[in-house]
Amino acid sequence: ISRRDYSTAAALAYGLDKSEDKVIAVYDLGGGTFDISILEIQKAVFEVKSTRGDTFLGGEDFDEVLLWHIVKEFKREMVVDLTRDNVAFQRVREAAEKAKCELSSSVQTDINLPYLTMDSSGPKHLNMKLTRDAQGSADCAGFFFGRAPSKAVNPDEAVAIGVAIQGGVLAVDITDVLLLDVTPLSLGIETLNTTIPTKKSQVFSAAADDQTQVETKVCQGEREMAGDNKFLGQFTLIGIPPAPRGVPQIEVTFDIDASGTIYVSAKDKGTGREQQIVSQSSGGLSKDDIENMVKNAQKYCNKLKEEISKMRELLARKDSETGENIRQAASSLQQASLKLFEMAYKKMASEREGCGSSGTGEQKEDEKEEKQ
């Protein structure tokens, strides 16, 4: 099974009949997000340059707009405020969502809610007709792109057509089309919007002396600190010969195929031992997760840079500390502790002597009074 981003699939459908080289933009205002992909088409090669989305604009927003439109019209005609009746308000909300779904496949729908509410004059019924505005999308595209949108493909069928085309490419039934997709988020040593399929390797080393195994954790996201990103999985490479830190050579490879499946492997270049983990595309992330991770990365960017700078200073200080430096520091600390203890002892002794002298003086005064 191969998974494909629906905005990218729609782009395939729109660009299939484009024989000349050009750059196209495909936007998708769906049930939960508003996404846009930019593709460059050159001789049947479809390269996705970038893809982004807004998780705060989608089908639920249409539900809210329809809901308040119905409430406003009902109040204007019946002089009844439905927001004061929770049951009636919920019935209208459900009807608005149903009407929106029906308008996805038809140009007109009716909302009929008998006995919605009542007042002193009797029961109130809701009957309203809603139509689909086909001109709205054209006006929107014209505002942003300065031209009318392409009508070569039915928007309601674009994603299905694009997925079918990609299925034909993967099954080698279609050989004259090549799709180069991108990663929506960074994956380890792969940065976001990297064209897939792709493969990158980097050599790391052990973090401690005599380390015989290395644990590799796979994360996805835009945060500088690995722990703040989406955790995809982990595996352990064992059997590394004991050696000082920095000596073992561990090659970590990220390999992403055309369907977005991620293969991560770690190989000890000295022994040839290797371990691997496989993760599905996007690690189970939804569009909301991806957009929120990007926004959080931008929000905490400066704070994370400060934390990383402090950690690097600590690591540099740790690397500069030799065994002799540590022994000298421990000796100095011990001498300071002994000196402090000696000062405290002398102070306590002087206080005891002062108390003893004072007591002796008082005793002599008492003896003089008795003799008198």
Protein backbone atom coordinates (compact mmCIF):
# COMPACT_ATOMS: atom_id res chain seq x y z
CA ILE A 1 0.00 0.00 0.00
CA SER A 2 1.37 3.42 -0.96
CA ARG A 3 0.16 6.63 0.64
CA ARG A 4 0.02 9.93 -1.21
CA ASP A 5 -0.68 13.45 0.02
CA TYR A 6 -4.05 14.53 -1.45
CA SER A 7 -2.89 17.97 -2.59
CA THR A 8 0.00 16.32 -4.44
CA ALA A 9 -2.38 13.77 -5.97
CA ALA A 10 -4.65 16.56 -7.18
CA ALA A 11 -1.62 18.27 -8.72
CA LEU A 12 -0.91 15.13 -10.75
CA ALA A 13 -4.46 15.16 -12.12
CA TYR A 14 -4.27 18.82 -13.12
CA GLY A 15 -0.86 18.54 -14.74
CA LEU A 16 -1.24 15.28 -16.65
CA ASP A 17 -2.16 16.93 -19.96
CA LYS A 18 0.45 19.69 -19.71
CA SER A 19 2.95 19.08 -22.49
CA GLU A 20 4.84 22.36 -22.08
CA ASP A 21 7.16 23.20 -19.17
CA LYS A 22 5.52 25.32 -16.48
CA VAL A 23 4.99 25.87 -12.76
CA ILE A 24 1.51 25.25 -11.35
CA ALA A 25 -0.12 25.81 -7.97
CA VAL A 26 -2.78 23.43 -6.64
CA TYR A 27 -4.82 24.51 -3.62
CA ASP A 28 -7.22 22.28 -1.73
CA LEU A 29 -9.77 23.64 0.74
CA GLY A 30 -10.77 20.37 2.36
CA GLY A 31 -12.63 19.09 5.38
CA GLY A 32 -9.97 20.04 7.91
CA THR A 33 -7.21 22.06 6.27
CA PHE A 34 -6.41 24.45 3.44
CA ASP A 35 -3.37 23.11 1.55
CA ILE A 36 -1.37 24.31 -1.41
CA SER A 37 1.36 22.59 -3.44
CA ILE A 38 3.71 24.17 -5.98
CA LEU A 39 4.83 21.87 -8.80
CA GLU A 40 7.29 22.29 -11.63
CA ILE A 41 6.46 20.27 -14.76
CA GLN A 42 9.24 19.52 -17.23
CA LYS A 43 8.76 16.86 -19.91
CA ALA A 44 6.35 14.68 -17.89
CA VAL A 45 8.48 15.04 -14.74
CA PHE A 46 6.36 16.42 -11.88
CA GLU A 47 8.57 17.87 -9.16
CA VAL A 48 6.87 19.12 -5.99
CA LYS A 49 8.84 22.21 -4.98
CA SER A 50 6.99 22.82 -1.73
CA THR A 51 3.77 22.00 0.09
CA ARG A 52 2.17 23.81 3.02
CA GLY A 53 -1.20 24.04 4.74
CA ASP A 54 -3.32 25.99 7.21
CA THR A 55 -4.84 23.75 9.87
CA PHE A 56 -7.18 26.51 11.03
CA LEU A 57 -9.15 26.78 7.79
CA GLY A 58 -11.35 23.97 6.50
CA GLY A 59 -14.72 22.27 6.57
CA GLU A 60 -15.51 23.13 10.19
CA ASP A 61 -15.23 26.80 9.34
CA PHE A 62 -17.89 26.33 6.66
CA ASP A 63 -20.08 24.63 9.26
CA GLU A 64 -19.79 27.67 11.53
CA VAL A 65 -20.52 30.14 8.72
CA LEU A 66 -23.63 28.20 7.65
CA LEU A 67 -24.76 27.81 11.26
CA TRP A 68 -24.68 31.53 12.02
CA HIS A 69 -26.18 32.39 8.64
CA ILE A 70 -29.18 30.15 9.41
CA VAL A 71 -29.52 31.53 12.95
CA LYS A 72 -29.38 35.10 11.66
CA GLU A 73 -31.99 34.50 8.92
CA PHE A 74 -34.30 32.64 11.32
CA LYS A 75 -34.12 35.50 13.81
CA ARG A 76 -34.85 38.03 11.05
CA GLU A 77 -37.93 36.14 9.81
CA MET A 78 -39.32 34.66 13.05
CA VAL A 79 -37.95 37.16 15.59
CA VAL A 80 -36.67 34.22 17.65
CA ASP A 81 -33.08 33.89 18.90
CA LEU A 82 -32.07 30.23 18.56
CA THR A 83 -28.95 30.72 20.69
CA ARG A 84 -31.21 30.82 23.75
CA ASP A 85 -32.46 27.29 23.03
CA ASN A 86 -29.59 24.77 23.29
CA VAL A 87 -31.56 21.89 21.77
CA ALA A 88 -32.70 23.93 18.77
CA PHE A 89 -29.21 25.37 18.31
CA GLN A 90 -27.70 21.87 18.21
CA ARG A 91 -30.29 20.72 15.64
CA VAL A 92 -29.35 23.66 13.41
CA ARG A 93 -25.63 22.87 13.79
CA GLU A 94 -26.17 19.27 12.64
CA ALA A 95 -28.35 20.43 9.74
CA ALA A 96 -25.68 22.93 8.64
CA GLU A 97 -23.00 20.23 8.55
CA LYS A 98 -25.28 17.90 6.59
CA ALA A 99 -26.11 20.67 4.10
CA LYS A 100 -22.42 21.41 3.55
CA CYS A 101 -21.75 17.75 2.75
CA GLU A 102 -24.68 17.63 0.33
CA LEU A 103 -23.43 20.76 -1.46
CA SER A 104 -20.15 18.97 -2.16
CA SER A 105 -21.95 16.79 -4.71
CA SER A 106 -24.92 18.95 -5.72
CA VAL A 107 -25.60 22.59 -6.51
CA GLN A 108 -28.59 22.95 -4.18
CA THR A 109 -29.98 21.51 -0.93
CA ASP A 110 -32.87 22.17 1.45
CA ILE A 111 -32.88 22.47 5.23
CA ASN A 112 -36.20 21.43 6.76
CA LEU A 113 -36.51 21.36 10.55
CA PRO A 114 -40.15 21.16 11.70
CA TYR A 115 -41.03 22.19 15.26
CA LEU A 116 -37.58 23.66 15.79
CA THR A 117 -38.74 25.83 18.68
CA MET A 118 -41.84 27.64 19.90
CA ASP A 119 -43.03 30.82 21.57
CA SER A 120 -46.34 32.25 22.76
CA SER A 121 -47.65 32.32 19.19
CA GLY A 122 -47.00 28.60 18.62
CA PRO A 123 -44.37 26.26 17.10
CA LYS A 124 -41.70 27.56 14.72
CA HIS A 125 -40.45 25.65 11.70
CA LEU A 126 -37.28 26.14 9.66
CA ASN A 127 -37.34 25.88 5.87
CA MET A 128 -34.36 27.20 3.94
CA LYS A 129 -32.80 26.63 0.54
CA LEU A 130 -28.99 26.74 0.12
CA THR A 131 -27.03 26.80 -3.15
CA ARG A 132 -23.43 26.15 -4.06
CA ASP A 133 -21.47 29.20 -5.29
CA ALA A 134 -19.21 27.99 -8.08
CA GLN A 135 -18.01 31.51 -8.80
CA GLY A 136 -16.55 31.91 -5.30
CA SER A 137 -13.56 29.64 -5.93
CA ALA A 138 -12.80 31.37 -9.23
CA ASP A 139 -12.86 34.78 -7.54
CA CYS A 140 -10.57 33.50 -4.79
CA ALA A 141 -8.03 32.11 -7.27
CA GLY A 142 -8.15 35.29 -9.31
CA PHE A 143 -7.45 37.39 -6.22
CA PHE A 144 -4.29 35.45 -5.27
CA PHE A 145 -2.94 34.32 -8.66
CA GLY A 146 -4.29 36.94 -11.02
CA ARG A 147 -5.98 34.40 -13.29
CA ALA A 148 -8.95 32.04 -13.36
CA PRO A 149 -8.40 28.48 -12.06
CA SER A 150 -8.14 25.55 -14.44
CA LYS A 151 -11.41 23.74 -15.11
CA ALA A 152 -9.87 20.81 -16.97
CA VAL A 153 -10.54 18.48 -14.03
CA ASN A 154 -13.56 18.23 -11.77
CA PRO A 155 -12.30 19.41 -8.33
CA ASP A 156 -14.34 16.73 -6.59
CA GLU A 157 -12.59 14.02 -8.62
CA ALA A 158 -9.07 15.48 -8.81
CA VAL A 159 -7.60 13.61 -5.83
CA ALA A 160 -9.01 10.25 -6.96
CA ILE A 161 -7.64 10.77 -10.48
CA GLY A 162 -4.21 11.75 -9.14
CA VAL A 163 -4.03 8.71 -6.87
CA ALA A 164 -4.97 6.47 -9.80
CA ILE A 165 -2.16 8.01 -11.88
CA GLN A 166 0.38 7.47 -9.10
CA GLY A 167 -0.84 3.89 -8.72
CA GLY A 168 -0.20 3.35 -12.41
CA VAL A 169 3.30 4.80 -12.04
CA LEU A 170 4.17 2.52 -9.10
CA ALA A 171 2.73 -0.50 -10.95
CA VAL A 172 4.79 0.46 -14.02
CA ASP A 173 1.60 0.67 -16.10
CA ILE A 174 2.44 4.33 -16.74
CA THR A 175 6.07 4.89 -17.69
CA ASP A 176 6.03 8.41 -19.14
CA VAL A 177 5.24 10.20 -15.85
CA LEU A 178 7.61 10.76 -12.92
CA LEU A 179 6.51 12.34 -9.63
CA LEU A 180 9.14 13.77 -7.28
CA ASP A 181 7.40 14.46 -3.97
CA VAL A 182 8.86 16.18 -0.89
CA THR A 183 9.00 15.47 2.83
CA PRO A 184 6.53 17.66 4.80
CA LEU A 185 8.86 17.74 7.85
CA SER A 186 12.54 17.17 8.59
CA LEU A 187 13.55 13.57 9.34
CA GLY A 188 16.84 13.25 11.21
CA ILE A 189 19.44 14.37 8.65
CA GLU A 190 16.78 14.93 5.98
CA THR A 191 15.37 18.49 5.88
CA LEU A 192 11.78 19.38 5.04
CA ASN A 193 10.81 19.83 1.38
CA THR A 194 13.60 17.44 0.33
CA THR A 195 12.62 15.69 -2.90
CA ILE A 196 11.84 11.98 -2.45
CA PRO A 197 12.96 9.33 -3.08
CA THR A 198 16.16 10.37 -1.30
CA LYS A 199 18.99 8.86 0.71
CA LYS A 200 21.50 10.53 3.02
CA SER A 201 24.19 9.21 5.36
CA GLN A 202 26.25 10.72 8.15
CA VAL A 203 28.97 9.25 10.38
CA PHE A 204 28.65 9.53 14.17
CA SER A 205 30.66 8.10 17.07
CA ALA A 206 30.15 6.74 20.58
CA ALA A 207 29.41 9.26 23.34
CA ALA A 208 31.27 7.41 26.13
CA ASP A 209 34.43 5.36 26.55
CA ASP A 210 34.22 1.57 26.05
CA GLN A 211 30.67 1.81 24.70
CA THR A 212 29.63 -1.55 23.22
CA GLN A 213 26.20 -0.57 21.86
CA VAL A 214 24.55 2.48 20.31
CA GLU A 215 20.85 3.30 20.58
CA THR A 216 19.44 5.17 17.57
CA LYS A 217 16.21 7.13 17.99
CA VAL A 218 14.31 8.30 14.91
CA CYS A 219 12.45 11.62 15.21
CA GLN A 220 10.52 13.89 12.86
CA GLY A 221 10.03 17.63 13.20
CA GLU A 222 11.54 21.11 13.00
CA ARG A 223 12.71 21.60 16.61
CA GLU A 224 16.46 21.87 17.28
CA MET A 225 16.29 19.48 20.27
CA ALA A 226 15.54 15.90 19.26
CA GLY A 227 13.39 15.29 22.35
CA ASP A 228 10.96 18.03 21.30
CA ASN A 229 10.11 16.34 17.98
CA LYS A 230 7.77 13.50 17.01
CA PHE A 231 9.23 10.14 18.07
CA LEU A 232 8.93 7.51 15.30
CA GLY A 233 10.90 4.59 16.73
CA GLN A 234 14.27 3.32 17.93
CA PHE A 235 16.70 0.42 17.55
CA THR A 236 20.00 -0.66 19.13
CA LEU A 237 23.24 -1.55 17.36
CA ILE A 238 25.20 -4.01 19.54
CA GLY A 239 28.59 -5.69 19.29
CA ILE A 240 30.74 -2.56 19.02
CA PRO A 241 34.35 -3.25 20.16
CA PRO A 242 35.26 -1.28 23.35
CA ALA A 243 37.21 1.87 22.47
CA PRO A 244 37.60 5.48 23.65
CA ARG A 245 34.77 7.79 22.73
CA GLY A 246 35.16 9.33 19.31
CA VAL A 247 36.93 6.27 17.89
CA PRO A 248 34.01 4.04 16.71
CA GLN A 249 32.61 5.05 13.32
CA ILE A 250 28.80 4.58 13.18
CA GLU A 251 27.23 5.39 9.81
CA VAL A 252 23.54 6.36 10.10
CA THR A 253 21.54 6.31 6.85
CA PHE A 254 18.06 7.73 6.13
CA ASP A 255 16.41 6.29 3.02
CA ILE A 256 12.94 7.47 1.91
CA ASP A 257 11.31 5.77 -1.07
CA ALA A 258 8.78 7.22 -3.50
CA SER A 259 5.81 6.22 -1.32
CA GLY A 260 7.25 8.01 1.71
CA THR A 261 8.30 4.90 3.66
CA ILE A 262 11.34 5.65 5.84
CA TYR A 263 14.23 3.21 6.26
CA VAL A 264 16.79 4.12 8.95
CA SER A 265 19.92 2.03 9.46
CA ALA A 266 23.04 2.24 11.65
CA LYS A 267 26.24 0.43 10.64
CA ASP A 268 29.51 -0.02 12.53
CA LYS A 269 32.12 0.60 9.84
CA GLY A 270 34.70 -1.36 11.84
CA THR A 271 32.81 -4.64 12.26
CA GLY A 272 30.19 -4.31 9.52
CA ARG A 273 27.34 -4.94 11.99
CA GLU A 274 24.09 -3.24 11.00
CA GLN A 275 20.57 -2.65 12.38
CA GLN A 276 17.54 -1.12 10.64
CA ILE A 277 14.05 0.22 11.36
CA VAL A 278 11.18 0.89 8.94
CA SER A 279 8.56 3.61 9.50
CA GLN A 280 5.59 4.58 7.35
CA SER A 281 5.40 8.04 5.77
CA SER A 282 4.83 10.99 8.13
CA GLY A 283 4.97 8.64 11.13
CA GLY A 284 1.19 8.69 11.52
CA LEU A 285 1.09 12.49 11.62
CA SER A 286 -2.02 14.33 10.56
CA LYS A 287 -1.99 17.63 8.71
CA ASP A 288 -2.72 19.37 12.03
CA ASP A 289 0.28 17.68 13.67
CA ILE A 290 2.61 18.72 10.84
CA GLU A 291 1.50 22.35 10.83
CA ASN A 292 1.59 22.61 14.64
CA MET A 293 5.11 21.15 14.73
CA VAL A 294 6.33 23.72 12.21
CA LYS A 295 4.69 26.56 14.14
CA ASN A 296 6.11 25.35 17.46
CA ALA A 297 9.57 25.13 15.92
CA GLN A 298 9.34 28.74 14.79
CA LYS A 299 7.90 29.85 18.14
CA TYR A 300 10.63 28.32 20.28
CA CYS A 301 13.50 28.85 17.82
CA ASN A 302 15.32 31.59 19.77
CA LYS A 303 14.84 29.87 23.13
CA LEU A 304 16.19 26.61 21.78
CA LYS A 305 19.22 28.32 20.27
CA GLU A 306 20.11 29.72 23.70
CA GLU A 307 19.71 26.29 25.31
CA ILE A 308 21.83 24.64 22.63
CA SER A 309 24.53 27.30 23.04
CA LYS A 310 24.66 26.61 26.79
CA MET A 311 24.85 22.87 26.21
CA ARG A 312 27.69 23.31 23.73
CA GLU A 313 29.60 25.42 26.26
CA LEU A 314 29.14 22.72 28.90
CA LEU A 315 30.29 20.02 26.48
CA ALA A 316 33.32 22.09 25.46
CA ARG A 317 34.18 22.64 29.12
CA LYS A 318 33.75 18.93 29.79
CA ASP A 319 36.02 17.98 26.88
CA SER A 320 38.72 20.41 28.09
CA GLU A 321 38.80 18.89 31.59
CA THR A 322 41.61 16.34 31.93
CA GLY A 323 42.15 13.92 34.81
CA GLU A 324 44.84 16.17 36.33
CA ASN A 325 42.49 19.17 36.29
CA ILE A 326 39.79 17.18 38.07
CA ARG A 327 42.28 15.98 40.77
CA GLN A 328 43.53 19.52 41.35
CA ALA A 329 39.97 20.82 41.67
CA ALA A 330 39.09 18.05 44.15
CA SER A 331 42.24 18.75 46.21
CA SER A 332 41.50 22.48 46.35
CA LEU A 333 37.93 21.76 47.46
CA GLN A 334 39.15 19.39 50.20
CA GLN A 335 41.67 21.94 51.52
CA ALA A 336 39.01 24.65 51.57
CA SER A 337 36.68 22.34 53.52
CA LEU A 338 39.38 21.56 56.11
CA LYS A 339 40.19 25.24 56.53
CA LEU A 340 36.52 26.07 57.02
CA PHE A 341 36.19 23.31 59.63
CA GLU A 342 39.31 24.62 61.46
CA MET A 343 37.89 28.16 61.56
CA ALA A 344 34.57 26.89 62.92
CA TYR A 345 36.35 24.83 65.62
CA LYS A 346 38.45 27.80 66.79
CA LYS A 347 35.37 30.00 66.96
CA MET A 348 33.49 27.45 69.09
CA ALA A 349 36.50 27.06 71.41
CA SER A 350 36.82 30.82 71.92
CA GLU A 351 33.10 31.08 72.70
CA ARG A 352 33.42 28.33 75.35
CA GLU A 353 36.42 30.07 76.95
CA GLY A 354 34.49 33.36 77.06
CA CYS A 355 31.57 31.70 78.82
CA GLY A 356 33.90 30.04 81.34
CA SER A 357 35.66 33.32 82.18
CA SER A 358 32.35 35.10 82.68
CA GLY A 359 31.09 32.36 85.02
CA THR A 360 34.28 32.47 87.17
CA GLY A 361 33.99 36.24 87.58
CA GLU A 362 30.41 35.97 88.81
CA GLN A 363 31.40 33.25 91.30
CA LYS A 364 34.15 35.48 92.83
CA GLU A 365 31.67 38.34 93.26
CA ASP A 366 29.30 36.00 95.16
CA GLU A 367 32.10 34.87 97.51
CA LYS A 368 32.98 38.50 98.35
CA GLU A 369 29.34 39.25 99.29
CA GLU A 370 29.19 36.20 101.62
CA LYS A 371 32.37 37.29 103.48
CA GLN A 372 30.98 40.73 104.06
